[in-house]
Protein backbone atom coordinates (compact mmCIF):
# COMPACT_ATOMS: atom_id res chain seq x y z
CA MET A 1 49.88 122.60 171.07
CA PHE A 2 52.19 123.27 174.05
CA LEU A 3 54.81 120.86 172.74
CA ARG A 4 54.75 122.48 169.28
CA ALA A 5 55.14 125.93 170.81
CA ALA A 6 57.98 124.72 173.03
CA GLU A 7 59.77 123.22 170.03
CA THR A 8 59.30 126.46 168.08
CA TYR A 9 60.72 128.41 171.03
CA GLY A 10 63.85 126.26 170.95
CA ILE A 11 63.39 123.31 173.31
CA MET A 12 65.14 120.22 171.96
CA THR A 13 62.85 117.29 171.16
CA THR A 14 64.90 115.09 173.49
CA ASP A 15 63.95 117.37 176.40
CA MET A 16 60.20 117.11 175.74
CA PHE A 17 57.72 114.81 177.40
CA GLN A 18 55.18 112.65 175.60
CA THR A 19 51.52 113.61 175.96
CA VAL A 20 50.76 110.31 177.68
CA ASP A 21 53.28 111.25 180.39
CA LEU A 22 51.07 114.16 181.43
CA TRP A 23 47.60 112.90 180.51
CA GLU A 24 47.89 109.54 182.26
CA GLY A 25 50.46 110.64 184.85
CA LYS A 26 52.93 108.02 183.59
CA ASP A 27 56.14 110.05 183.86
CA LEU A 28 55.64 113.37 185.62
CA ALA A 29 59.41 113.71 186.03
CA ALA A 30 59.65 114.02 182.23
CA VAL A 31 57.04 116.81 182.36
CA GLN A 32 59.09 118.55 185.05
CA ARG A 33 62.28 118.21 182.99
CA THR A 34 60.52 119.84 180.02
CA LEU A 35 59.32 122.75 182.15
CA MET A 36 62.80 123.19 183.66
CA SER A 37 64.35 123.17 180.19
CA LEU A 38 61.80 125.73 179.00
CA GLY A 39 62.50 127.97 182.00
CA SER A 40 66.25 127.71 181.52
CA LEU A 41 65.94 128.60 177.85
CA ALA A 42 63.67 131.56 178.61
CA VAL A 43 66.08 132.90 181.25
CA THR A 44 69.03 132.41 178.89
CA LYS A 45 67.33 134.10 175.93
CA ASN A 46 66.24 137.03 178.15
CA ASP A 47 63.70 138.07 175.48
CA GLY A 48 61.00 139.17 177.92
CA CYS A 49 58.93 135.98 177.73
CA TYR A 50 59.80 135.00 181.30
CA LYS A 51 58.68 137.42 184.01
CA GLY A 52 59.48 135.40 187.13
CA ASP A 53 62.49 135.07 189.39
CA PRO A 54 65.49 134.17 187.19
CA SER A 55 67.21 132.38 190.06
CA TRP A 56 64.70 129.51 189.73
CA PHE A 57 66.42 128.30 186.57
CA HIS A 58 70.04 127.90 185.53
CA ARG A 59 71.32 129.74 182.51
CA LYS A 60 72.45 127.62 179.60
CA ALA A 61 76.08 127.93 178.55
CA GLN A 62 76.82 130.61 175.99
CA GLU A 63 79.55 130.59 173.39
CA ASN A 64 82.64 132.50 174.50
CA LYS A 65 84.90 132.48 171.47
CA ARG A 66 88.47 133.67 172.00
CA GLU A 67 91.21 134.60 169.60
CA PHE A 68 94.86 133.96 170.51
CA SER A 69 97.90 135.28 168.72
CA ASP A 70 100.58 132.90 167.48
CA GLU A 71 102.87 134.19 170.23
CA GLN A 72 100.32 133.32 172.94
CA LEU A 73 99.85 129.85 171.47
CA MET A 74 103.61 129.24 171.48
CA GLU A 75 103.85 130.37 175.13
CA GLY A 76 101.14 127.88 176.06
CA LYS A 77 103.13 124.98 174.64
CA SER A 78 105.94 125.55 177.14
CA VAL A 79 103.70 125.43 180.24
CA ILE A 80 103.55 122.16 182.14
CA GLY A 81 100.04 121.79 183.41
CA LEU A 82 99.69 120.48 186.95
CA GLN A 83 96.10 119.52 186.28
CA MET A 84 97.45 116.27 184.91
CA GLY A 85 98.90 115.51 188.31
CA THR A 86 102.22 114.03 189.22
CA ASN A 87 103.48 110.57 190.08
CA ARG A 88 105.86 111.72 192.81
CA GLY A 89 105.44 109.53 195.85
CA ALA A 90 103.04 107.19 194.11
CA SER A 91 103.33 103.85 195.83
CA GLN A 92 101.12 101.40 197.63
CA ALA A 93 103.15 101.54 200.83
CA GLY A 94 100.94 101.56 203.89
CA MET A 95 97.78 100.52 202.09
CA SER A 96 95.72 97.88 203.83
CA TYR A 97 92.40 96.38 202.88
CA GLY A 98 91.35 94.76 206.15
CA ARG A 99 91.82 91.16 207.10
CA PRO A 100 92.97 88.63 204.50
CA ARG A 101 90.43 86.14 203.20
CA GLN A 102 90.04 83.02 205.37
CA ILE A 103 90.14 80.01 203.04
CA ILE A 104 90.56 77.16 205.55
CA ASN A 105 87.37 75.85 207.10
CA ASN A 106 88.10 74.33 210.55
CA ASN A 107 84.49 73.25 211.19
CA PRO A 108 83.87 69.49 210.78
C-alpha cells in the first residue's frame, strides 16, 4: 500500500525498496533510500504534503530552459574555454616514484 502510494506520488520504481527488505530487515538501507527519495520529492514539489523542516532533504534539480539568440551563440563559438585546461609546462621533469625495484637477490 505504501509502495503503491509512493509510486503514484512520483517515486521512481528504481528508488523503492522491496517489502522483504523492511519485513525481514534484509536491506534497511534500501528502505532509507526510499524515504529520502520521497522526502526530496515532497520538498521539491512543495505541494503541502510535507510539513517538516525542508533542510532535511535536498531539492531535486528543476528544468531551467534558456533561449539564446543567434548572435549570442556566435559569440560563444569564439570563446576559448579554460575549463579544458592547458598543456603549458606539461612535463614529467622532477617526478619521482621512490626507490627503483631491486631485482638482484644477493642472499644465497
